[in-house]
């Protein structure tokens, strides 16, 4: 499988504010940033996952959507390519 052009040429992801609620990225989400720590609920590979993250943490993962229910962290930004 060929890499998308933006992966082949080293283009950095866009940071998109999620609004700390239900959010479906318009593009491939390769991770997220948490400004104020707490739980973040998200869907990855069809599974809803809720984990606790520290403040100022960057997480790399394939994210299909963010879920408001169960999310206590704030200042969440999706990293979208």
C-alpha atoms as a PDB file:
ATOM      1  CA  UNK A   1       0.000   0.000   0.000  1.00  0.00           C
ATOM      2  CA  UNK A   2       1.428   3.359  -1.023  1.00  0.00           C
ATOM      3  CA  UNK A   3       1.849   6.113   1.534  1.00  0.00           C
ATOM      4  CA  UNK A   4      -0.328   9.215   1.130  1.00  0.00           C
ATOM      5  CA  UNK A   5       1.665  12.082  -0.406  1.00  0.00           C
ATOM      6  CA  UNK A   6       1.693  14.072   2.839  1.00  0.00           C
ATOM      7  CA  UNK A   7       3.387  11.168   4.650  1.00  0.00           C
ATOM      8  CA  UNK A   8       5.951  10.629   1.918  1.00  0.00           C
ATOM      9  CA  UNK A   9       7.120  14.241   1.917  1.00  0.00           C
ATOM     10  CA  UNK A  10       7.217  14.774   5.688  1.00  0.00           C
ATOM     11  CA  UNK A  11       4.338  17.259   6.012  1.00  0.00           C
ATOM     12  CA  UNK A  12       3.449  17.899   9.644  1.00  0.00           C
ATOM     13  CA  UNK A  13      -0.140  17.355  10.846  1.00  0.00           C
ATOM     14  CA  UNK A  14      -2.644  20.139  11.381  1.00  0.00           C
ATOM     15  CA  UNK A  15      -3.745  20.810  14.968  1.00  0.00           C
ATOM     16  CA  UNK A  16      -7.543  20.992  15.191  1.00  0.00           C
ATOM     17  CA  UNK A  17      -9.402  21.857  18.408  1.00  0.00           C
ATOM     18  CA  UNK A  18     -11.933  19.156  19.248  1.00  0.00           C
ATOM     19  CA  UNK A  19     -14.063  21.350  21.491  1.00  0.00           C
ATOM     20  CA  UNK A  20     -13.624  18.660  24.163  1.00  0.00           C
ATOM     21  CA  UNK A  21     -16.849  17.005  22.989  1.00  0.00           C
ATOM     22  CA  UNK A  22     -18.012  14.644  20.274  1.00  0.00           C
ATOM     23  CA  UNK A  23     -15.691  15.264  17.332  1.00  0.00           C
ATOM     24  CA  UNK A  24     -15.043  13.434  14.068  1.00  0.00           C
ATOM     25  CA  UNK A  25     -11.836  14.606  12.357  1.00  0.00           C
ATOM     26  CA  UNK A  26     -12.083  15.547   8.684  1.00  0.00           C
ATOM     27  CA  UNK A  27      -8.993  13.654   7.601  1.00  0.00           C
ATOM     28  CA  UNK A  28      -6.738  11.036   9.113  1.00  0.00           C
ATOM     29  CA  UNK A  29      -6.231  11.686  12.820  1.00  0.00           C
ATOM     30  CA  UNK A  30      -2.824  10.389  13.893  1.00  0.00           C
ATOM     31  CA  UNK A  31      -2.971  11.497  17.517  1.00  0.00           C
ATOM     32  CA  UNK A  32      -3.919  14.255  19.898  1.00  0.00           C
ATOM     33  CA  UNK A  33      -2.641  16.740  22.464  1.00  0.00           C
ATOM     34  CA  UNK A  34      -4.130  17.176  25.958  1.00  0.00           C
ATOM     35  CA  UNK A  35      -3.686  20.608  27.563  1.00  0.00           C
ATOM     36  CA  UNK A  36      -5.339  19.875  30.940  1.00  0.00           C
ATOM     37  CA  UNK A  37      -5.017  16.237  32.021  1.00  0.00           C
ATOM     38  CA  UNK A  38      -7.852  13.844  32.654  1.00  0.00           C
ATOM     39  CA  UNK A  39      -9.731  11.067  30.891  1.00  0.00           C
ATOM     40  CA  UNK A  40     -10.089  11.107  27.111  1.00  0.00           C
ATOM     41  CA  UNK A  41     -12.607   8.845  25.345  1.00  0.00           C
ATOM     42  CA  UNK A  42     -12.029   8.081  21.683  1.00  0.00           C
ATOM     43  CA  UNK A  43     -12.745   5.459  19.047  1.00  0.00           C
ATOM     44  CA  UNK A  44      -9.794   3.629  17.508  1.00  0.00           C
ATOM     45  CA  UNK A  45     -10.154   0.622  15.201  1.00  0.00           C
ATOM     46  CA  UNK A  46     -13.868   0.477  16.053  1.00  0.00           C
ATOM     47  CA  UNK A  47     -13.261   0.281  19.817  1.00  0.00           C
ATOM     48  CA  UNK A  48     -14.195   3.002  22.306  1.00  0.00           C
ATOM     49  CA  UNK A  49     -11.255   3.564  24.639  1.00  0.00           C
ATOM     50  CA  UNK A  50     -11.121   5.757  27.746  1.00  0.00           C
ATOM     51  CA  UNK A  51      -7.726   6.431  29.312  1.00  0.00           C
ATOM     52  CA  UNK A  52      -6.257   9.006  31.670  1.00  0.00           C
ATOM     53  CA  UNK A  53      -3.652  11.364  30.210  1.00  0.00           C
ATOM     54  CA  UNK A  54      -1.315  13.851  31.849  1.00  0.00           C
ATOM     55  CA  UNK A  55      -1.337  17.597  31.101  1.00  0.00           C
ATOM     56  CA  UNK A  56       0.648  18.681  28.035  1.00  0.00           C
ATOM     57  CA  UNK A  57       0.774  15.112  26.756  1.00  0.00           C
ATOM     58  CA  UNK A  58       0.934  14.222  23.051  1.00  0.00           C
ATOM     59  CA  UNK A  59      -0.456  10.810  22.147  1.00  0.00           C
ATOM     60  CA  UNK A  60       0.142   9.103  18.809  1.00  0.00           C
ATOM     61  CA  UNK A  61      -2.702   6.829  17.698  1.00  0.00           C
ATOM     62  CA  UNK A  62      -5.152   6.361  14.849  1.00  0.00           C
ATOM     63  CA  UNK A  63      -8.344   8.036  16.052  1.00  0.00           C
ATOM     64  CA  UNK A  64     -11.688   7.701  14.260  1.00  0.00           C
ATOM     65  CA  UNK A  65     -13.593  10.034  16.596  1.00  0.00           C
ATOM     66  CA  UNK A  66     -13.539  11.637  20.042  1.00  0.00           C
ATOM     67  CA  UNK A  67     -16.369  10.949  22.504  1.00  0.00           C
ATOM     68  CA  UNK A  68     -17.675  13.524  25.001  1.00  0.00           C
ATOM     69  CA  UNK A  69     -19.065  10.905  27.408  1.00  0.00           C
ATOM     70  CA  UNK A  70     -16.276   9.905  29.781  1.00  0.00           C
ATOM     71  CA  UNK A  71     -13.946  12.754  28.753  1.00  0.00           C
ATOM     72  CA  UNK A  72     -12.768  14.979  31.616  1.00  0.00           C
ATOM     73  CA  UNK A  73      -9.567  16.330  30.026  1.00  0.00           C
ATOM     74  CA  UNK A  74      -9.756  19.728  28.342  1.00  0.00           C
ATOM     75  CA  UNK A  75      -7.867  21.596  25.649  1.00  0.00           C
ATOM     76  CA  UNK A  76      -7.789  18.547  23.366  1.00  0.00           C
ATOM     77  CA  UNK A  77      -6.385  19.096  19.886  1.00  0.00           C
ATOM     78  CA  UNK A  78      -6.483  16.419  17.186  1.00  0.00           C
ATOM     79  CA  UNK A  79      -3.403  15.970  14.981  1.00  0.00           C
ATOM     80  CA  UNK A  80      -4.857  15.543  11.486  1.00  0.00           C
ATOM     81  CA  UNK A  81      -3.107  14.814   8.177  1.00  0.00           C
END
